[in-house]
Amino acid sequence: MDEKLGTVRIAPGVLATIAYLTTLSVPGVVRMSHDLANSVSKLLRREGFASGVKIQVRDEAVWVDLHVVVEAGANMYQVGTQIQKEVAQAIDNMVGMPVREVNVYIQDVE
């Protein structure tokens, strides 16, 4: 039953939601940060954005930019690398698309 039945497309907004929820589940992350480019894109209603998340899909692969606020006293490097690992794994497991980059920008500490 390898017959092709049609096309499956995953909206960039779905990828952004996966990245957003996965990032918030990482210990040490307080919240996502709002950046100016993200706010402007939301106003223009471009897809692939959630609060603090930017997704780009090219050649059936995913690039992710995340803007986060971390807990005071957290090891920022460890939090950042854990975010990278978990977001890449979540997108690959849930959607089956390769993740080429997960860029984490720590915007603040609370």
PDB file of N, CA and C in Angstrom:
ATOM      1  N   MET A   1       0.834  -1.181   0.000  1.00  0.00           N
ATOM      2  CA  MET A   1       0.000   0.000   0.000  1.00  0.00           C
ATOM      3  C   MET A   1       0.884   1.252   0.000  1.00  0.00           C
ATOM      4  N   ASP A   2       1.821   1.323  -0.931  1.00  0.00           N
ATOM      5  CA  ASP A   2       2.713   2.467  -1.060  1.00  0.00           C
ATOM      6  C   ASP A   2       2.185   3.481  -2.055  1.00  0.00           C
ATOM      7  N   GLU A   3       0.955   3.353  -2.438  1.00  0.00           N
ATOM      8  CA  GLU A   3       0.357   4.256  -3.403  1.00  0.00           C
ATOM      9  C   GLU A   3       0.191   5.641  -2.788  1.00  0.00           C
ATOM     10  N   LYS A   4       0.588   6.665  -3.540  1.00  0.00           N
ATOM     11  CA  LYS A   4       0.500   8.042  -3.043  1.00  0.00           C
ATOM     12  C   LYS A   4      -0.946   8.513  -3.119  1.00  0.00           C
ATOM     13  N   LEU A   5      -1.450   8.995  -2.009  1.00  0.00           N
ATOM     14  CA  LEU A   5      -2.841   9.423  -1.923  1.00  0.00           C
ATOM     15  C   LEU A   5      -3.008  10.931  -2.046  1.00  0.00           C
ATOM     16  N   GLY A   6      -1.939  11.654  -2.006  1.00  0.00           N
ATOM     17  CA  GLY A   6      -2.024  13.111  -2.074  1.00  0.00           C
ATOM     18  C   GLY A   6      -0.835  13.731  -1.375  1.00  0.00           C
ATOM     19  N   THR A   7      -0.997  14.976  -0.957  1.00  0.00           N
ATOM     20  CA  THR A   7       0.082  15.743  -0.343  1.00  0.00           C
ATOM     21  C   THR A   7      -0.217  15.997   1.126  1.00  0.00           C
ATOM     22  N   VAL A   8       0.825  15.964   1.944  1.00  0.00           N
ATOM     23  CA  VAL A   8       0.719  16.348   3.344  1.00  0.00           C
ATOM     24  C   VAL A   8       1.614  17.566   3.538  1.00  0.00           C
ATOM     25  N   ARG A   9       1.030  18.641   4.006  1.00  0.00           N
ATOM     26  CA  ARG A   9       1.792  19.866   4.271  1.00  0.00           C
ATOM     27  C   ARG A   9       1.564  20.276   5.723  1.00  0.00           C
ATOM     28  N   ILE A  10       2.657  20.640   6.376  1.00  0.00           N
ATOM     29  CA  ILE A  10       2.587  21.093   7.761  1.00  0.00           C
ATOM     30  C   ILE A  10       2.773  22.610   7.751  1.00  0.00           C
ATOM     31  N   ALA A  11       1.818  23.338   8.274  1.00  0.00           N
ATOM     32  CA  ALA A  11       1.889  24.800   8.298  1.00  0.00           C
ATOM     33  C   ALA A  11       3.028  25.246   9.213  1.00  0.00           C
ATOM     34  N   PRO A  12       3.748  26.292   8.826  1.00  0.00           N
ATOM     35  CA  PRO A  12       4.804  26.813   9.700  1.00  0.00           C
ATOM     36  C   PRO A  12       4.305  27.174  11.096  1.00  0.00           C
ATOM     37  N   GLY A  13       3.057  27.581  11.203  1.00  0.00           N
ATOM     38  CA  GLY A  13       2.490  27.895  12.513  1.00  0.00           C
ATOM     39  C   GLY A  13       2.435  26.684  13.429  1.00  0.00           C
ATOM     40  N   VAL A  14       2.229  25.513  12.860  1.00  0.00           N
ATOM     41  CA  VAL A  14       2.228  24.281  13.652  1.00  0.00           C
ATOM     42  C   VAL A  14       3.635  24.022  14.188  1.00  0.00           C
ATOM     43  N   LEU A  15       4.635  24.197  13.341  1.00  0.00           N
ATOM     44  CA  LEU A  15       6.028  24.026  13.768  1.00  0.00           C
ATOM     45  C   LEU A  15       6.382  25.029  14.870  1.00  0.00           C
ATOM     46  N   ALA A  16       5.894  26.258  14.723  1.00  0.00           N
ATOM     47  CA  ALA A  16       6.155  27.296  15.733  1.00  0.00           C
ATOM     48  C   ALA A  16       5.516  26.916  17.063  1.00  0.00           C
ATOM     49  N   THR A  17       4.328  26.362  17.031  1.00  0.00           N
ATOM     50  CA  THR A  17       3.652  25.945  18.268  1.00  0.00           C
ATOM     51  C   THR A  17       4.410  24.809  18.945  1.00  0.00           C
ATOM     52  N   ILE A  18       4.885  23.850  18.161  1.00  0.00           N
ATOM     53  CA  ILE A  18       5.677  22.750  18.720  1.00  0.00           C
ATOM     54  C   ILE A  18       6.931  23.305  19.397  1.00  0.00           C
ATOM     55  N   ALA A  19       7.638  24.208  18.709  1.00  0.00           N
ATOM     56  CA  ALA A  19       8.859  24.798  19.270  1.00  0.00           C
ATOM     57  C   ALA A  19       8.552  25.598  20.529  1.00  0.00           C
ATOM     58  N   TYR A  20       7.473  26.352  20.499  1.00  0.00           N
ATOM     59  CA  TYR A  20       7.056  27.191  21.638  1.00  0.00           C
ATOM     60  C   TYR A  20       6.773  26.336  22.872  1.00  0.00           C
ATOM     61  N   LEU A  21       5.914  25.339  22.725  1.00  0.00           N
ATOM     62  CA  LEU A  21       5.530  24.509  23.870  1.00  0.00           C
ATOM     63  C   LEU A  21       6.704  23.690  24.393  1.00  0.00           C
ATOM     64  N   THR A  22       7.532  23.203  23.484  1.00  0.00           N
ATOM     65  CA  THR A  22       8.701  22.431  23.900  1.00  0.00           C
ATOM     66  C   THR A  22       9.674  23.304  24.673  1.00  0.00           C
ATOM     67  N   THR A  23       9.911  24.519  24.203  1.00  0.00           N
ATOM     68  CA  THR A  23      10.827  25.436  24.881  1.00  0.00           C
ATOM     69  C   THR A  23      10.336  25.751  26.288  1.00  0.00           C
ATOM     70  N   LEU A  24       9.052  26.017  26.443  1.00  0.00           N
ATOM     71  CA  LEU A  24       8.504  26.335  27.760  1.00  0.00           C
ATOM     72  C   LEU A  24       8.609  25.176  28.740  1.00  0.00           C
ATOM     73  N   SER A  25       8.727  23.955  28.231  1.00  0.00           N
ATOM     74  CA  SER A  25       8.813  22.783  29.106  1.00  0.00           C
ATOM     75  C   SER A  25      10.233  22.537  29.627  1.00  0.00           C
ATOM     76  N   VAL A  26      11.216  23.253  29.099  1.00  0.00           N
ATOM     77  CA  VAL A  26      12.611  23.058  29.525  1.00  0.00           C
ATOM     78  C   VAL A  26      12.826  23.743  30.876  1.00  0.00           C
ATOM     79  N   PRO A  27      13.358  23.013  31.865  1.00  0.00           N
ATOM     80  CA  PRO A  27      13.641  23.625  33.167  1.00  0.00           C
ATOM     81  C   PRO A  27      14.596  24.810  33.017  1.00  0.00           C
ATOM     82  N   GLY A  28      14.265  25.903  33.701  1.00  0.00           N
ATOM     83  CA  GLY A  28      15.075  27.109  33.628  1.00  0.00           C
ATOM     84  C   GLY A  28      14.482  28.175  32.726  1.00  0.00           C
ATOM     85  N   VAL A  29      13.532  27.800  31.866  1.00  0.00           N
ATOM     86  CA  VAL A  29      12.882  28.775  30.993  1.00  0.00           C
ATOM     87  C   VAL A  29      11.699  29.375  31.747  1.00  0.00           C
ATOM     88  N   VAL A  30      11.692  30.698  31.867  1.00  0.00           N
ATOM     89  CA  VAL A  30      10.597  31.394  32.544  1.00  0.00           C
ATOM     90  C   VAL A  30       9.472  31.665  31.562  1.00  0.00           C
ATOM     91  N   ARG A  31       9.828  32.215  30.404  1.00  0.00           N
ATOM     92  CA  ARG A  31       8.843  32.547  29.375  1.00  0.00           C
ATOM     93  C   ARG A  31       9.575  32.847  28.082  1.00  0.00           C
ATOM     94  N   MET A  32       8.800  32.994  27.037  1.00  0.00           N
ATOM     95  CA  MET A  32       9.350  33.423  25.757  1.00  0.00           C
ATOM     96  C   MET A  32       9.442  34.941  25.787  1.00  0.00           C
ATOM     97  N   SER A  33      10.351  35.481  25.019  1.00  0.00           N
ATOM     98  CA  SER A  33      10.537  36.921  24.943  1.00  0.00           C
ATOM     99  C   SER A  33       9.982  37.429  23.629  1.00  0.00           C
ATOM    100  N   HIS A  34       9.415  38.611  23.657  1.00  0.00           N
ATOM    101  CA  HIS A  34       8.900  39.228  22.441  1.00  0.00           C
ATOM    102  C   HIS A  34      10.013  40.065  21.832  1.00  0.00           C
ATOM    103  N   ASP A  35      10.300  39.814  20.557  1.00  0.00           N
ATOM    104  CA  ASP A  35      11.271  40.667  19.879  1.00  0.00           C
ATOM    105  C   ASP A  35      10.533  41.507  18.845  1.00  0.00           C
ATOM    106  N   LEU A  36      11.118  42.600  18.421  1.00  0.00           N
ATOM    107  CA  LEU A  36      10.453  43.537  17.520  1.00  0.00           C
ATOM    108  C   LEU A  36      10.085  42.894  16.187  1.00  0.00           C
ATOM    109  N   ALA A  37      10.979  42.130  15.611  1.00  0.00           N
ATOM    110  CA  ALA A  37      10.698  41.496  14.313  1.00  0.00           C
ATOM    111  C   ALA A  37       9.512  40.551  14.426  1.00  0.00           C
ATOM    112  N   ASN A  38       9.430  39.819  15.528  1.00  0.00           N
ATOM    113  CA  ASN A  38       8.327  38.903  15.753  1.00  0.00           C
ATOM    114  C   ASN A  38       7.018  39.664  15.846  1.00  0.00           C
ATOM    115  N   SER A  39       7.007  40.771  16.576  1.00  0.00           N
ATOM    116  CA  SER A  39       5.785  41.569  16.741  1.00  0.00           C
ATOM    117  C   SER A  39       5.317  42.142  15.411  1.00  0.00           C
ATOM    118  N   VAL A  40       6.236  42.639  14.601  1.00  0.00           N
ATOM    119  CA  VAL A  40       5.883  43.196  13.293  1.00  0.00           C
ATOM    120  C   VAL A  40       5.318  42.099  12.400  1.00  0.00           C
ATOM    121  N   SER A  41       5.938  40.928  12.398  1.00  0.00           N
ATOM    122  CA  SER A  41       5.468  39.831  11.561  1.00  0.00           C
ATOM    123  C   SER A  41       4.083  39.365  11.978  1.00  0.00           C
ATOM    124  N   LYS A  42       3.818  39.360  13.291  1.00  0.00           N
ATOM    125  CA  LYS A  42       2.483  38.987  13.755  1.00  0.00           C
ATOM    126  C   LYS A  42       1.442  39.984  13.256  1.00  0.00           C
ATOM    127  N   LEU A  43       1.797  41.263  13.267  1.00  0.00           N
ATOM    128  CA  LEU A  43       0.869  42.275  12.773  1.00  0.00           C
ATOM    129  C   LEU A  43       0.584  42.082  11.292  1.00  0.00           C
ATOM    130  N   LEU A  44       1.594  41.634  10.553  1.00  0.00           N
ATOM    131  CA  LEU A  44       1.426  41.389   9.118  1.00  0.00           C
ATOM    132  C   LEU A  44       0.813  40.019   8.832  1.00  0.00           C
ATOM    133  N   ARG A  45       0.577  39.240   9.906  1.00  0.00           N
ATOM    134  CA  ARG A  45      -0.043  37.920   9.826  1.00  0.00           C
ATOM    135  C   ARG A  45       0.758  36.929   9.000  1.00  0.00           C
ATOM    136  N   ARG A  46       2.054  36.986   9.113  1.00  0.00           N
ATOM    137  CA  ARG A  46       2.891  35.983   8.454  1.00  0.00           C
ATOM    138  C   ARG A  46       2.850  34.711   9.274  1.00  0.00           C
ATOM    139  N   GLU A  47       2.902  33.588   8.583  1.00  0.00           N
ATOM    140  CA  GLU A  47       2.883  32.313   9.274  1.00  0.00           C
ATOM    141  C   GLU A  47       4.273  31.967   9.786  1.00  0.00           C
ATOM    142  N   GLY A  48       4.332  31.045  10.729  1.00  0.00           N
ATOM    143  CA  GLY A  48       5.589  30.557  11.239  1.00  0.00           C
ATOM    144  C   GLY A  48       6.078  31.302  12.455  1.00  0.00           C
ATOM    145  N   PHE A  49       5.182  32.038  13.099  1.00  0.00           N
ATOM    146  CA  PHE A  49       5.576  32.798  14.274  1.00  0.00           C
ATOM    147  C   PHE A  49       4.662  32.468  15.446  1.00  0.00           C
ATOM    148  N   ALA A  50       5.252  32.287  16.588  1.00  0.00           N
ATOM    149  CA  ALA A  50       4.547  32.241  17.868  1.00  0.00           C
ATOM    150  C   ALA A  50       5.362  33.170  18.753  1.00  0.00           C
ATOM    151  N   SER A  51       4.860  33.499  19.891  1.00  0.00           N
ATOM    152  CA  SER A  51       5.562  34.431  20.766  1.00  0.00           C
ATOM    153  C   SER A  51       7.001  33.981  20.998  1.00  0.00           C
ATOM    154  N   GLY A  52       7.969  34.778  20.540  1.00  0.00           N
ATOM    155  CA  GLY A  52       9.376  34.461  20.733  1.00  0.00           C
ATOM    156  C   GLY A  52       9.934  33.390  19.820  1.00  0.00           C
ATOM    157  N   VAL A  53       9.168  32.960  18.821  1.00  0.00           N
ATOM    158  CA  VAL A  53       9.591  31.875  17.927  1.00  0.00           C
ATOM    159  C   VAL A  53       9.510  32.335  16.480  1.00  0.00           C
ATOM    160  N   LYS A  54      10.548  32.034  15.719  1.00  0.00           N
ATOM    161  CA  LYS A  54      10.528  32.260  14.275  1.00  0.00           C
ATOM    162  C   LYS A  54      10.918  30.943  13.605  1.00  0.00           C
ATOM    163  N   ILE A  55      10.119  30.524  12.653  1.00  0.00           N
ATOM    164  CA  ILE A  55      10.358  29.278  11.922  1.00  0.00           C
ATOM    165  C   ILE A  55      10.563  29.607  10.458  1.00  0.00           C
ATOM    166  N   GLN A  56      11.550  28.989   9.860  1.00  0.00           N
ATOM    167  CA  GLN A  56      11.737  29.055   8.414  1.00  0.00           C
ATOM    168  C   GLN A  56      11.806  27.628   7.895  1.00  0.00           C
ATOM    169  N   VAL A  57      11.102  27.375   6.795  1.00  0.00           N
ATOM    170  CA  VAL A  57      11.145  26.068   6.152  1.00  0.00           C
ATOM    171  C   VAL A  57      11.712  26.274   4.756  1.00  0.00           C
ATOM    172  N   ARG A  58      12.818  25.570   4.493  1.00  0.00           N
ATOM    173  CA  ARG A  58      13.444  25.627   3.168  1.00  0.00           C
ATOM    174  C   ARG A  58      13.870  24.222   2.786  1.00  0.00           C
ATOM    175  N   ASP A  59      13.577  23.846   1.562  1.00  0.00           N
ATOM    176  CA  ASP A  59      13.990  22.527   1.061  1.00  0.00           C
ATOM    177  C   ASP A  59      13.583  21.402   2.014  1.00  0.00           C
ATOM    178  N   GLU A  60      12.372  21.481   2.530  1.00  0.00           N
ATOM    179  CA  GLU A  60      11.790  20.477   3.418  1.00  0.00           C
ATOM    180  C   GLU A  60      12.583  20.269   4.704  1.00  0.00           C
ATOM    181  N   ALA A  61      13.290  21.318   5.152  1.00  0.00           N
ATOM    182  CA  ALA A  61      14.006  21.297   6.425  1.00  0.00           C
ATOM    183  C   ALA A  61      13.616  22.548   7.218  1.00  0.00           C
ATOM    184  N   VAL A  62      13.909  22.537   8.513  1.00  0.00           N
ATOM    185  CA  VAL A  62      13.427  23.581   9.420  1.00  0.00           C
ATOM    186  C   VAL A  62      14.598  24.307  10.084  1.00  0.00           C
ATOM    187  N   TRP A  63      14.471  25.626  10.175  1.00  0.00           N
ATOM    188  CA  TRP A  63      15.382  26.497  10.927  1.00  0.00           C
ATOM    189  C   TRP A  63      14.533  27.206  11.969  1.00  0.00           C
ATOM    190  N   VAL A  64      15.028  27.259  13.206  1.00  0.00           N
ATOM    191  CA  VAL A  64      14.256  27.812  14.319  1.00  0.00           C
ATOM    192  C   VAL A  64      15.076  28.881  15.042  1.00  0.00           C
ATOM    193  N   ASP A  65      14.446  30.017  15.339  1.00  0.00           N
ATOM    194  CA  ASP A  65      15.015  31.052  16.207  1.00  0.00           C
ATOM    195  C   ASP A  65      14.091  31.186  17.408  1.00  0.00           C
ATOM    196  N   LEU A  66      14.672  31.133  18.614  1.00  0.00           N
ATOM    197  CA  LEU A  66      13.905  31.206  19.849  1.00  0.00           C
ATOM    198  C   LEU A  66      14.458  32.320  20.728  1.00  0.00           C
ATOM    199  N   HIS A  67      13.572  33.153  21.250  1.00  0.00           N
ATOM    200  CA  HIS A  67      13.943  34.243  22.153  1.00  0.00           C
ATOM    201  C   HIS A  67      13.322  33.937  23.510  1.00  0.00           C
ATOM    202  N   VAL A  68      14.187  33.745  24.524  1.00  0.00           N
ATOM    203  CA  VAL A  68      13.700  33.268  25.816  1.00  0.00           C
ATOM    204  C   VAL A  68      14.175  34.130  26.977  1.00  0.00           C
ATOM    205  N   VAL A  69      13.452  34.002  28.083  1.00  0.00           N
ATOM    206  CA  VAL A  69      13.836  34.578  29.361  1.00  0.00           C
ATOM    207  C   VAL A  69      14.067  33.388  30.293  1.00  0.00           C
ATOM    208  N   VAL A  70      15.215  33.391  30.992  1.00  0.00           N
ATOM    209  CA  VAL A  70      15.549  32.270  31.863  1.00  0.00           C
ATOM    210  C   VAL A  70      15.516  32.683  33.333  1.00  0.00           C
ATOM    211  N   GLU A  71      15.456  31.660  34.192  1.00  0.00           N
ATOM    212  CA  GLU A  71      15.451  31.894  35.644  1.00  0.00           C
ATOM    213  C   GLU A  71      16.797  32.431  36.097  1.00  0.00           C
ATOM    214  N   ALA A  72      16.757  33.329  37.070  1.00  0.00           N
ATOM    215  CA  ALA A  72      17.992  33.796  37.700  1.00  0.00           C
ATOM    216  C   ALA A  72      18.674  32.599  38.354  1.00  0.00           C
ATOM    217  N   GLY A  73      19.968  32.490  38.189  1.00  0.00           N
ATOM    218  CA  GLY A  73      20.724  31.395  38.769  1.00  0.00           C
ATOM    219  C   GLY A  73      20.830  30.167  37.886  1.00  0.00           C
ATOM    220  N   ALA A  74      20.062  30.129  36.811  1.00  0.00           N
ATOM    221  CA  ALA A  74      20.140  28.986  35.895  1.00  0.00           C
ATOM    222  C   ALA A  74      21.428  29.070  35.089  1.00  0.00           C
ATOM    223  N   ASN A  75      21.971  27.917  34.727  1.00  0.00           N
ATOM    224  CA  ASN A  75      23.127  27.879  33.847  1.00  0.00           C
ATOM    225  C   ASN A  75      22.606  28.133  32.433  1.00  0.00           C
ATOM    226  N   MET A  76      22.840  29.324  31.933  1.00  0.00           N
ATOM    227  CA  MET A  76      22.266  29.729  30.652  1.00  0.00           C
ATOM    228  C   MET A  76      22.726  28.852  29.494  1.00  0.00           C
ATOM    229  N   TYR A  77      23.982  28.473  29.497  1.00  0.00           N
ATOM    230  CA  TYR A  77      24.486  27.610  28.424  1.00  0.00           C
ATOM    231  C   TYR A  77      23.766  26.260  28.428  1.00  0.00           C
ATOM    232  N   GLN A  78      23.609  25.658  29.626  1.00  0.00           N
ATOM    233  CA  GLN A  78      22.921  24.371  29.713  1.00  0.00           C
ATOM    234  C   GLN A  78      21.457  24.482  29.309  1.00  0.00           C
ATOM    235  N   VAL A  79      20.793  25.557  29.737  1.00  0.00           N
ATOM    236  CA  VAL A  79      19.391  25.761  29.349  1.00  0.00           C
ATOM    237  C   VAL A  79      19.302  25.893  27.821  1.00  0.00           C
ATOM    238  N   GLY A  80      20.184  26.695  27.244  1.00  0.00           N
ATOM    239  CA  GLY A  80      20.170  26.894  25.793  1.00  0.00           C
ATOM    240  C   GLY A  80      20.405  25.613  25.012  1.00  0.00           C
ATOM    241  N   THR A  81      21.385  24.816  25.429  1.00  0.00           N
ATOM    242  CA  THR A  81      21.655  23.572  24.698  1.00  0.00           C
ATOM    243  C   THR A  81      20.533  22.555  24.900  1.00  0.00           C
ATOM    244  N   GLN A  82      19.907  22.562  26.076  1.00  0.00           N
ATOM    245  CA  GLN A  82      18.769  21.663  26.306  1.00  0.00           C
ATOM    246  C   GLN A  82      17.587  22.060  25.420  1.00  0.00           C
ATOM    247  N   ILE A  83      17.360  23.357  25.277  1.00  0.00           N
ATOM    248  CA  ILE A  83      16.304  23.840  24.372  1.00  0.00           C
ATOM    249  C   ILE A  83      16.592  23.365  22.960  1.00  0.00           C
ATOM    250  N   GLN A  84      17.815  23.541  22.489  1.00  0.00           N
ATOM    251  CA  GLN A  84      18.177  23.120  21.130  1.00  0.00           C
ATOM    252  C   GLN A  84      17.872  21.644  20.913  1.00  0.00           C
ATOM    253  N   LYS A  85      18.324  20.821  21.845  1.00  0.00           N
ATOM    254  CA  LYS A  85      18.146  19.374  21.732  1.00  0.00           C
ATOM    255  C   LYS A  85      16.665  18.989  21.713  1.00  0.00           C
ATOM    256  N   GLU A  86      15.903  19.525  22.686  1.00  0.00           N
ATOM    257  CA  GLU A  86      14.503  19.118  22.814  1.00  0.00           C
ATOM    258  C   GLU A  86      13.630  19.631  21.678  1.00  0.00           C
ATOM    259  N   VAL A  87      13.867  20.849  21.208  1.00  0.00           N
ATOM    260  CA  VAL A  87      13.073  21.393  20.098  1.00  0.00           C
ATOM    261  C   VAL A  87      13.358  20.618  18.810  1.00  0.00           C
ATOM    262  N   ALA A  88      14.627  20.354  18.533  1.00  0.00           N
ATOM    263  CA  ALA A  88      14.976  19.591  17.325  1.00  0.00           C
ATOM    264  C   ALA A  88      14.348  18.200  17.368  1.00  0.00           C
ATOM    265  N   GLN A  89      14.424  17.557  18.527  1.00  0.00           N
ATOM    266  CA  GLN A  89      13.873  16.217  18.683  1.00  0.00           C
ATOM    267  C   GLN A  89      12.348  16.215  18.549  1.00  0.00           C
ATOM    268  N   ALA A  90      11.681  17.207  19.140  1.00  0.00           N
ATOM    269  CA  ALA A  90      10.214  17.275  19.079  1.00  0.00           C
ATOM    270  C   ALA A  90       9.734  17.455  17.647  1.00  0.00           C
ATOM    271  N   ILE A  91      10.363  18.362  16.906  1.00  0.00           N
ATOM    272  CA  ILE A  91       9.946  18.589  15.515  1.00  0.00           C
ATOM    273  C   ILE A  91      10.205  17.347  14.680  1.00  0.00           C
ATOM    274  N   ASP A  92      11.360  16.730  14.857  1.00  0.00           N
ATOM    275  CA  ASP A  92      11.675  15.515  14.098  1.00  0.00           C
ATOM    276  C   ASP A  92      10.701  14.395  14.433  1.00  0.00           C
ATOM    277  N   ASN A  93      10.422  14.189  15.721  1.00  0.00           N
ATOM    278  CA  ASN A  93       9.526  13.100  16.138  1.00  0.00           C
ATOM    279  C   ASN A  93       8.079  13.329  15.723  1.00  0.00           C
ATOM    280  N   MET A  94       7.604  14.564  15.864  1.00  0.00           N
ATOM    281  CA  MET A  94       6.190  14.840  15.612  1.00  0.00           C
ATOM    282  C   MET A  94       5.864  15.062  14.142  1.00  0.00           C
ATOM    283  N   VAL A  95       6.825  15.608  13.403  1.00  0.00           N
ATOM    284  CA  VAL A  95       6.544  16.006  12.028  1.00  0.00           C
ATOM    285  C   VAL A  95       7.387  15.221  11.022  1.00  0.00           C
ATOM    286  N   GLY A  96       8.546  14.743  11.455  1.00  0.00           N
ATOM    287  CA  GLY A  96       9.411  13.988  10.560  1.00  0.00           C
ATOM    288  C   GLY A  96      10.246  14.850   9.632  1.00  0.00           C
ATOM    289  N   MET A  97      10.371  16.136   9.964  1.00  0.00           N
ATOM    290  CA  MET A  97      11.189  17.037   9.151  1.00  0.00           C
ATOM    291  C   MET A  97      12.535  17.237   9.832  1.00  0.00           C
ATOM    292  N   PRO A  98      13.628  17.245   9.063  1.00  0.00           N
ATOM    293  CA  PRO A  98      14.931  17.499   9.677  1.00  0.00           C
ATOM    294  C   PRO A  98      15.047  18.949  10.136  1.00  0.00           C
ATOM    295  N   VAL A  99      15.707  19.140  11.261  1.00  0.00           N
ATOM    296  CA  VAL A  99      15.934  20.476  11.801  1.00  0.00           C
ATOM    297  C   VAL A  99      17.399  20.814  11.573  1.00  0.00           C
ATOM    298  N   ARG A 100      17.651  21.869  10.811  1.00  0.00           N
ATOM    299  CA  ARG A 100      19.020  22.263  10.475  1.00  0.00           C
ATOM    300  C   ARG A 100      19.658  23.152  11.541  1.00  0.00           C
ATOM    301  N   GLU A 101      18.855  24.033  12.164  1.00  0.00           N
ATOM    302  CA  GLU A 101      19.376  24.934  13.192  1.00  0.00           C
ATOM    303  C   GLU A 101      18.298  25.230  14.221  1.00  0.00           C
ATOM    304  N   VAL A 102      18.731  25.341  15.475  1.00  0.00           N
ATOM    305  CA  VAL A 102      17.896  25.882  16.538  1.00  0.00           C
ATOM    306  C   VAL A 102      18.766  26.926  17.227  1.00  0.00           C
ATOM    307  N   ASN A 103      18.483  28.187  16.965  1.00  0.00           N
ATOM    308  CA  ASN A 103      19.227  29.309  17.540  1.00  0.00           C
ATOM    309  C   ASN A 103      18.467  29.827  18.749  1.00  0.00           C
ATOM    310  N   VAL A 104      19.144  29.850  19.895  1.00  0.00           N
ATOM    311  CA  VAL A 104      18.519  30.296  21.143  1.00  0.00           C
ATOM    312  C   VAL A 104      19.133  31.636  21.532  1.00  0.00           C
ATOM    313  N   TYR A 105      18.270  32.634  21.713  1.00  0.00           N
ATOM    314  CA  TYR A 105      18.693  33.966  22.140  1.00  0.00           C
ATOM    315  C   TYR A 105      18.126  34.216  23.530  1.00  0.00           C
ATOM    316  N   ILE A 106      19.005  34.271  24.526  1.00  0.00           N
ATOM    317  CA  ILE A 106      18.565  34.552  25.887  1.00  0.00           C
ATOM    318  C   ILE A 106      18.477  36.067  26.015  1.00  0.00           C
ATOM    319  N   GLN A 107      17.249  36.560  26.124  1.00  0.00           N
ATOM    320  CA  GLN A 107      16.971  37.987  26.094  1.00  0.00           C
ATOM    321  C   GLN A 107      16.998  38.643  27.473  1.00  0.00           C
ATOM    322  N   ASP A 108      16.737  37.829  28.526  1.00  0.00           N
ATOM    323  CA  ASP A 108      16.659  38.419  29.851  1.00  0.00           C
ATOM    324  C   ASP A 108      16.729  37.316  30.896  1.00  0.00           C
ATOM    325  N   VAL A 109      16.873  37.729  32.153  1.00  0.00           N
ATOM    326  CA  VAL A 109      16.887  36.827  33.299  1.00  0.00           C
ATOM    327  C   VAL A 109      15.886  37.360  34.313  1.00  0.00           C
ATOM    328  N   GLU A 110      15.082  36.477  34.878  1.00  0.00           N
ATOM    329  CA  GLU A 110      14.099  36.882  35.901  1.00  0.00           C
ATOM    330  C   GLU A 110      14.268  36.030  37.124  1.00  0.00           C
TER     331      GLU A 110
END
